[in-house]
Amino acid sequence: MPVICVGGMIGIGKTSVAELLAKELGSAVFYESVEDNPILPLFYTASPEEIQAKRYPFLLQLYFLQTRFASIKEAYKQGDNVLDRSIYEDWYFAKVNHDLGRISSLEMQVYEGLLNEMMREIDGLPYRKAPDLMVYLKADFDTVLHRIGLRGRDFEQDESLVEYYRTLWAGYDDWVHKHYSASDVLVVDMNHTDVVNNPEDAARVVQEVKAALAAAGPRN
């Protein structure tokens, strides 16, 4: 059975797609650490002055790196799981925050050094060396904002966050197509896909994923 990473913008529907695929493929979901994340609400609600003083963006990326590393090792060990975002995607979020001046160059150097060490350990795992497929959920910016609103997490709703979301969204395609190389990528257009409320959409996504896995073939 495969290991699948489901990636994409905040609020785009990664968890719903991951749960759908896990159910259809008979596997488990390894969730992004959000509900129990002590830093995430602080990251979204802090003032620029608090961000500079408390270094929440750097701390958040370290937290995600730690929890993601544990998840990906367990998922690879079991060999048949779905990752609700993965360690490969975390670097992109760190880079955006570095480009915005919210993570310093020294912090980014420390972060990338730690990430590289973790990736070397993952590459040396006896059970698997890479995911079999990344399912990239893509949508226009209005759809992203609408879905973030529907999700209803209070700390994600402030108007001041819109430009941050836009910056993340604007560079996502470039990261996927130019920087991600761990596996093949299946792009799903979420402007016209609702796997929760439309069974036909859900069935189509499952079939597209199965076809992409078959085309990719087995990995070492």
Protein backbone atom coordinates (compact mmCIF):
# COMPACT_ATOMS: atom_id res chain seq x y z
CA MET A 1 0.00 0.00 0.00
CA PRO A 2 1.21 3.55 -0.70
CA VAL A 3 2.24 6.53 1.35
CA ILE A 4 0.44 9.65 0.10
CA CYS A 5 1.05 13.29 1.04
CA VAL A 6 -1.91 15.65 0.70
CA GLY A 7 -0.69 19.24 0.31
CA GLY A 8 -1.99 22.68 -0.43
CA MET A 9 -3.03 26.01 0.99
CA ILE A 10 -4.41 26.61 4.45
CA GLY A 11 -8.10 25.71 4.56
CA ILE A 12 -8.17 24.14 1.08
CA GLY A 13 -9.57 20.79 2.25
CA LYS A 14 -6.48 18.65 2.92
CA THR A 15 -7.95 16.86 5.91
CA SER A 16 -11.18 15.96 4.11
CA VAL A 17 -9.29 14.61 1.10
CA ALA A 18 -6.82 12.74 3.34
CA GLU A 19 -9.66 11.09 5.26
CA LEU A 20 -11.42 10.16 2.02
CA LEU A 21 -8.29 8.54 0.58
CA ALA A 22 -7.48 6.72 3.81
CA LYS A 23 -11.00 5.26 3.93
CA GLU A 24 -10.91 4.15 0.31
CA LEU A 25 -7.38 2.72 0.49
CA GLY A 26 -7.78 1.10 3.90
CA SER A 27 -5.04 3.12 5.55
CA ALA A 28 -4.60 5.63 8.37
CA VAL A 29 -4.29 9.43 8.38
CA PHE A 30 -1.43 11.24 10.07
CA TYR A 31 -2.83 14.68 10.84
CA GLU A 32 -1.07 18.02 10.92
CA SER A 33 -0.69 19.13 14.55
CA VAL A 34 -3.19 22.01 14.72
CA GLU A 35 -5.82 21.51 17.41
CA ASP A 36 -3.21 20.71 20.08
CA ASN A 37 -0.65 23.21 18.78
CA PRO A 38 0.17 25.76 21.52
CA ILE A 39 1.98 28.16 19.19
CA LEU A 40 -0.38 28.39 16.21
CA PRO A 41 -2.98 30.75 17.79
CA LEU A 42 -0.17 32.99 19.04
CA PHE A 43 1.38 33.07 15.56
CA TYR A 44 -1.88 34.29 14.00
CA THR A 45 -2.91 36.80 16.67
CA ALA A 46 0.42 38.38 17.65
CA SER A 47 1.21 41.96 16.72
CA PRO A 48 4.32 42.67 14.61
CA GLU A 49 6.05 43.81 17.78
CA GLU A 50 5.17 40.56 19.58
CA ILE A 51 6.34 38.52 16.61
CA GLN A 52 9.72 40.24 16.72
CA ALA A 53 10.03 39.80 20.48
CA LYS A 54 8.61 36.29 20.88
CA ARG A 55 9.85 34.78 17.56
CA TYR A 56 6.56 32.91 17.07
CA PRO A 57 7.10 32.15 13.35
CA PHE A 58 10.42 30.43 14.06
CA LEU A 59 9.00 28.54 17.04
CA LEU A 60 5.99 27.45 14.99
CA GLN A 61 8.12 26.05 12.19
CA LEU A 62 10.28 24.16 14.69
CA TYR A 63 7.14 22.75 16.29
CA PHE A 64 5.75 21.60 12.95
CA LEU A 65 9.13 20.14 12.00
CA GLN A 66 9.28 18.12 15.21
CA THR A 67 5.74 16.75 14.98
CA ARG A 68 5.96 16.12 11.25
CA PHE A 69 9.21 14.21 11.63
CA ALA A 70 7.58 11.89 14.14
CA SER A 71 4.54 11.41 11.89
CA ILE A 72 6.44 10.71 8.70
CA LYS A 73 8.70 8.15 10.39
CA GLU A 74 5.69 6.29 11.78
CA ALA A 75 3.81 6.51 8.49
CA TYR A 76 6.78 5.17 6.53
CA LYS A 77 7.27 2.40 9.08
CA GLN A 78 3.68 1.21 8.68
CA GLY A 79 3.96 1.68 4.94
CA ASP A 80 0.35 2.44 3.97
CA ASN A 81 -0.71 5.84 5.23
CA VAL A 82 -1.89 9.30 4.22
CA LEU A 83 -0.11 12.40 5.50
CA ASP A 84 -2.16 15.58 6.00
CA ARG A 85 0.69 17.76 4.69
CA SER A 86 4.23 16.52 5.19
CA ILE A 87 7.72 17.51 6.21
CA TYR A 88 8.56 18.40 2.59
CA GLU A 89 6.05 21.25 2.59
CA ASP A 90 7.19 22.83 5.85
CA TRP A 91 10.25 24.39 4.23
CA TYR A 92 8.03 26.46 1.96
CA PHE A 93 6.19 28.02 4.92
CA ALA A 94 9.49 28.75 6.63
CA LYS A 95 10.86 30.37 3.47
CA VAL A 96 7.81 32.62 3.07
CA ASN A 97 8.12 33.82 6.66
CA HIS A 98 11.84 34.39 6.12
CA ASP A 99 11.13 36.41 2.97
CA LEU A 100 8.61 38.48 4.96
CA GLY A 101 11.25 39.23 7.61
CA ARG A 102 9.43 37.23 10.28
CA ILE A 103 12.15 34.58 10.48
CA SER A 104 15.70 35.89 10.59
CA SER A 105 18.49 34.65 8.34
CA LEU A 106 20.19 33.01 11.32
CA GLU A 107 16.95 31.29 12.33
CA MET A 108 16.47 30.08 8.75
CA GLN A 109 20.01 28.72 8.74
CA VAL A 110 19.32 26.80 11.95
CA TYR A 111 15.96 25.58 10.61
CA GLU A 112 17.41 24.34 7.31
CA GLY A 113 20.28 22.62 9.09
CA LEU A 114 17.86 20.74 11.32
CA LEU A 115 15.59 19.91 8.36
CA ASN A 116 18.53 18.57 6.36
CA GLU A 117 19.60 16.32 9.23
CA MET A 118 16.05 15.00 9.55
CA MET A 119 15.80 14.35 5.82
CA ARG A 120 19.08 12.43 5.89
CA GLU A 121 17.67 10.21 8.60
CA ILE A 122 14.44 9.70 6.65
CA ASP A 123 16.45 8.80 3.53
CA GLY A 124 18.22 6.14 5.58
CA LEU A 125 15.08 4.47 6.91
CA PRO A 126 14.96 0.77 6.02
CA TYR A 127 11.24 0.72 5.29
CA ARG A 128 10.83 3.46 2.64
CA LYS A 129 12.71 6.40 1.14
CA ALA A 130 9.97 8.60 -0.32
CA PRO A 131 6.21 9.02 -0.54
CA ASP A 132 4.52 7.39 -3.49
CA LEU A 133 2.43 10.43 -4.45
CA MET A 134 1.72 14.00 -3.47
CA VAL A 135 -1.88 15.09 -4.02
CA TYR A 136 -1.69 18.87 -4.46
CA LEU A 137 -4.98 20.66 -3.84
CA LYS A 138 -5.11 23.87 -5.87
CA ALA A 139 -7.68 26.69 -6.06
CA ASP A 140 -7.94 30.38 -6.85
CA PHE A 141 -7.45 32.84 -4.03
CA ASP A 142 -11.14 33.64 -3.55
CA THR A 143 -11.88 29.95 -3.05
CA VAL A 144 -9.08 29.69 -0.49
CA LEU A 145 -10.40 32.64 1.51
CA HIS A 146 -13.95 31.28 1.34
CA ARG A 147 -12.86 27.91 2.68
CA ILE A 148 -10.78 29.45 5.47
CA GLY A 149 -13.92 31.34 6.46
CA LEU A 150 -16.06 28.20 6.35
CA ARG A 151 -13.62 26.39 8.61
CA GLY A 152 -14.33 28.99 11.27
CA ARG A 153 -11.17 28.97 13.36
CA ASP A 154 -11.31 32.35 15.08
CA PHE A 155 -7.56 32.96 14.98
CA GLU A 156 -7.50 32.52 11.18
CA GLN A 157 -10.22 35.07 10.39
CA ASP A 158 -8.62 38.46 11.01
CA GLU A 159 -8.53 40.73 7.96
CA SER A 160 -4.88 41.50 8.62
CA LEU A 161 -4.02 37.92 7.62
CA VAL A 162 -5.35 38.22 4.06
CA GLU A 163 -2.08 39.49 2.60
CA TYR A 164 -0.16 36.71 4.38
CA TYR A 165 -2.50 34.14 2.85
CA ARG A 166 -2.11 35.79 -0.55
CA THR A 167 1.69 35.60 -0.32
CA LEU A 168 1.56 31.90 0.58
CA TRP A 169 -0.92 31.21 -2.21
CA ALA A 170 1.02 33.16 -4.85
CA GLY A 171 4.15 31.05 -4.49
CA TYR A 172 2.64 27.62 -3.89
CA ASP A 173 2.61 26.44 -7.52
CA ASP A 174 6.25 27.46 -7.90
CA TRP A 175 7.23 25.43 -4.83
CA VAL A 176 5.33 22.35 -5.99
CA HIS A 177 6.59 22.35 -9.57
CA LYS A 178 10.15 23.64 -9.07
CA HIS A 179 11.21 22.56 -5.58
CA TYR A 180 9.27 19.42 -4.65
CA SER A 181 10.88 16.29 -6.09
CA ALA A 182 10.21 13.52 -3.58
CA SER A 183 7.42 11.92 -5.64
CA ASP A 184 5.06 12.38 -8.55
CA VAL A 185 2.39 15.06 -8.10
CA LEU A 186 -1.33 14.84 -8.82
CA VAL A 187 -3.01 18.27 -9.03
CA VAL A 188 -6.66 18.45 -7.95
CA ASP A 189 -8.67 21.56 -8.87
CA MET A 190 -10.52 22.46 -5.67
CA ASN A 191 -12.43 25.29 -7.36
CA HIS A 192 -14.71 22.59 -8.72
CA THR A 193 -14.27 19.79 -6.18
CA ASP A 194 -16.21 19.16 -2.96
CA VAL A 195 -15.39 15.71 -1.60
CA VAL A 196 -17.53 16.26 1.51
CA ASN A 197 -20.87 17.16 -0.07
CA ASN A 198 -20.59 15.74 -3.59
CA PRO A 199 -20.15 11.94 -3.85
CA GLU A 200 -19.30 12.21 -7.55
CA ASP A 201 -16.40 14.54 -6.75
CA ALA A 202 -15.20 12.18 -4.02
CA ALA A 203 -15.31 9.18 -6.37
CA ARG A 204 -13.49 11.11 -9.09
CA VAL A 205 -10.65 12.13 -6.76
CA VAL A 206 -10.24 8.56 -5.53
CA GLN A 207 -10.05 7.25 -9.08
CA GLU A 208 -7.55 9.93 -10.10
CA VAL A 209 -5.34 9.05 -7.14
CA LYS A 210 -5.51 5.32 -7.86
CA ALA A 211 -4.64 5.96 -11.51
CA ALA A 212 -1.71 8.21 -10.53
CA LEU A 213 -0.39 5.56 -8.13
CA ALA A 214 -0.65 2.89 -10.80
CA ALA A 215 1.16 5.10 -13.31
CA ALA A 216 3.92 5.95 -10.82
CA GLY A 217 4.61 2.29 -10.07
CA PRO A 218 6.23 0.91 -6.91
CA ARG A 219 8.98 2.82 -5.11
CA ASN A 220 11.91 1.45 -3.18
